[in-house]
Amino acid sequence: MCTSIVEIVSADGAGKRDDGWFDLTHAVVSYDHPHHALLEEAITIDFVNSALGPGARVAVELTLQSAKELSGALARAIAAAEIEEGARLRKV
């Protein structure tokens, strides 16, 4: 089954490919048939810089359960980082 589930967000950071690091411009999150993972459907996350061509891409294909666990880990790390940043700003 092909889905139309696609979310695109801007991404400010860096990704690494064979020839080194490159600046990211956006991330694409989708749910569809994976290209490499041996799964019927997968959450795919692509970090890209479209100005640098198709080689400027870092991709992962995850099971739904792995994606849920990653989402939770990101939420916890973000919450902790916001507390850390708040404490740092209060010291200045």
Protein backbone atom coordinates (compact mmCIF):
# COMPACT_ATOMS: atom_id res chain seq x y z
CA MET A 1 0.00 0.00 0.00
CA CYS A 2 1.40 3.39 -0.95
CA THR A 3 0.60 6.20 1.41
CA SER A 4 0.61 9.94 1.01
CA ILE A 5 2.03 10.51 4.47
CA VAL A 6 4.82 13.07 4.10
CA GLU A 7 5.94 15.85 6.44
CA ILE A 8 8.65 18.33 5.42
CA VAL A 9 10.32 20.68 7.89
CA SER A 10 13.27 23.03 7.68
CA ALA A 11 16.38 21.70 9.37
CA ASP A 12 19.35 23.76 10.49
CA GLY A 13 22.29 21.48 11.21
CA ALA A 14 24.76 19.18 9.47
CA GLY A 15 24.78 15.68 8.05
CA LYS A 16 27.67 13.40 7.15
CA ARG A 17 28.19 11.57 3.89
CA ASP A 18 31.20 9.70 2.51
CA ASP A 19 33.15 12.85 1.57
CA GLY A 20 32.45 14.74 4.80
CA TRP A 21 29.92 16.98 6.47
CA PHE A 22 27.36 19.14 4.67
CA ASP A 23 24.81 21.74 5.81
CA LEU A 24 21.20 20.58 6.10
CA THR A 25 18.29 22.57 4.73
CA HIS A 26 15.32 20.35 5.55
CA ALA A 27 14.10 16.98 6.74
CA VAL A 28 11.46 14.78 5.13
CA VAL A 29 9.54 12.30 7.28
CA SER A 30 7.31 9.80 5.50
CA TYR A 31 5.53 6.50 5.95
CA ASP A 32 5.74 4.23 2.92
CA HIS A 33 7.54 1.25 1.44
CA PRO A 34 11.20 1.33 2.51
CA HIS A 35 13.97 1.06 -0.06
CA HIS A 36 16.41 -0.96 2.03
CA ALA A 37 14.90 -2.13 5.33
CA LEU A 38 13.20 -5.50 5.07
CA LEU A 39 9.83 -4.11 6.19
CA GLU A 40 6.42 -3.84 4.54
CA GLU A 41 6.14 -0.17 5.55
CA ALA A 42 8.54 2.12 7.42
CA ILE A 43 8.92 5.57 8.83
CA THR A 44 11.63 7.12 6.68
CA ILE A 45 13.58 10.20 7.72
CA ASP A 46 15.71 11.99 5.14
CA PHE A 47 17.95 14.88 6.15
CA VAL A 48 18.89 16.74 2.97
CA ASN A 49 20.37 19.76 1.26
CA SER A 50 18.66 19.80 -2.13
CA ALA A 51 21.04 22.47 -3.47
CA LEU A 52 23.90 19.95 -3.22
CA GLY A 53 22.16 17.23 -5.25
CA PRO A 54 20.96 13.73 -4.34
CA GLY A 55 24.22 12.77 -2.61
CA ALA A 56 23.60 15.32 0.15
CA ARG A 57 21.23 13.03 2.02
CA VAL A 58 21.27 11.12 5.27
CA ALA A 59 18.42 8.61 5.48
CA VAL A 60 17.02 6.10 7.97
CA GLU A 61 14.16 3.64 7.69
CA LEU A 62 12.54 2.62 10.97
CA THR A 63 9.78 0.36 12.20
CA LEU A 64 6.84 2.21 13.73
CA GLN A 65 7.92 1.02 17.19
CA SER A 66 11.48 2.28 16.67
CA ALA A 67 10.13 5.60 15.40
CA LYS A 68 7.94 5.92 18.52
CA GLU A 69 10.92 5.21 20.76
CA LEU A 70 13.03 7.73 18.85
CA SER A 71 10.26 10.31 19.14
CA GLY A 72 10.12 9.78 22.90
CA ALA A 73 13.89 9.99 23.23
CA LEU A 74 13.93 13.23 21.23
CA ALA A 75 11.16 14.71 23.39
CA ARG A 76 13.03 13.82 26.60
CA ALA A 77 16.36 15.16 25.29
CA ILE A 78 14.71 18.38 24.10
CA ALA A 79 13.00 18.89 27.47
CA ALA A 80 16.30 18.35 29.30
CA ALA A 81 18.15 20.67 26.90
CA GLU A 82 15.56 23.41 27.42
CA ILE A 83 16.07 23.14 31.20
CA GLU A 84 19.84 23.30 30.70
CA GLU A 85 19.54 26.34 28.41
CA GLY A 86 17.20 28.05 30.89
CA ALA A 87 19.70 27.54 33.71
CA ARG A 88 22.52 28.86 31.53
CA LEU A 89 20.54 32.01 30.69
CA ARG A 90 19.75 32.66 34.37
CA LYS A 91 23.48 32.60 35.19
CA VAL A 92 24.32 35.32 32.63
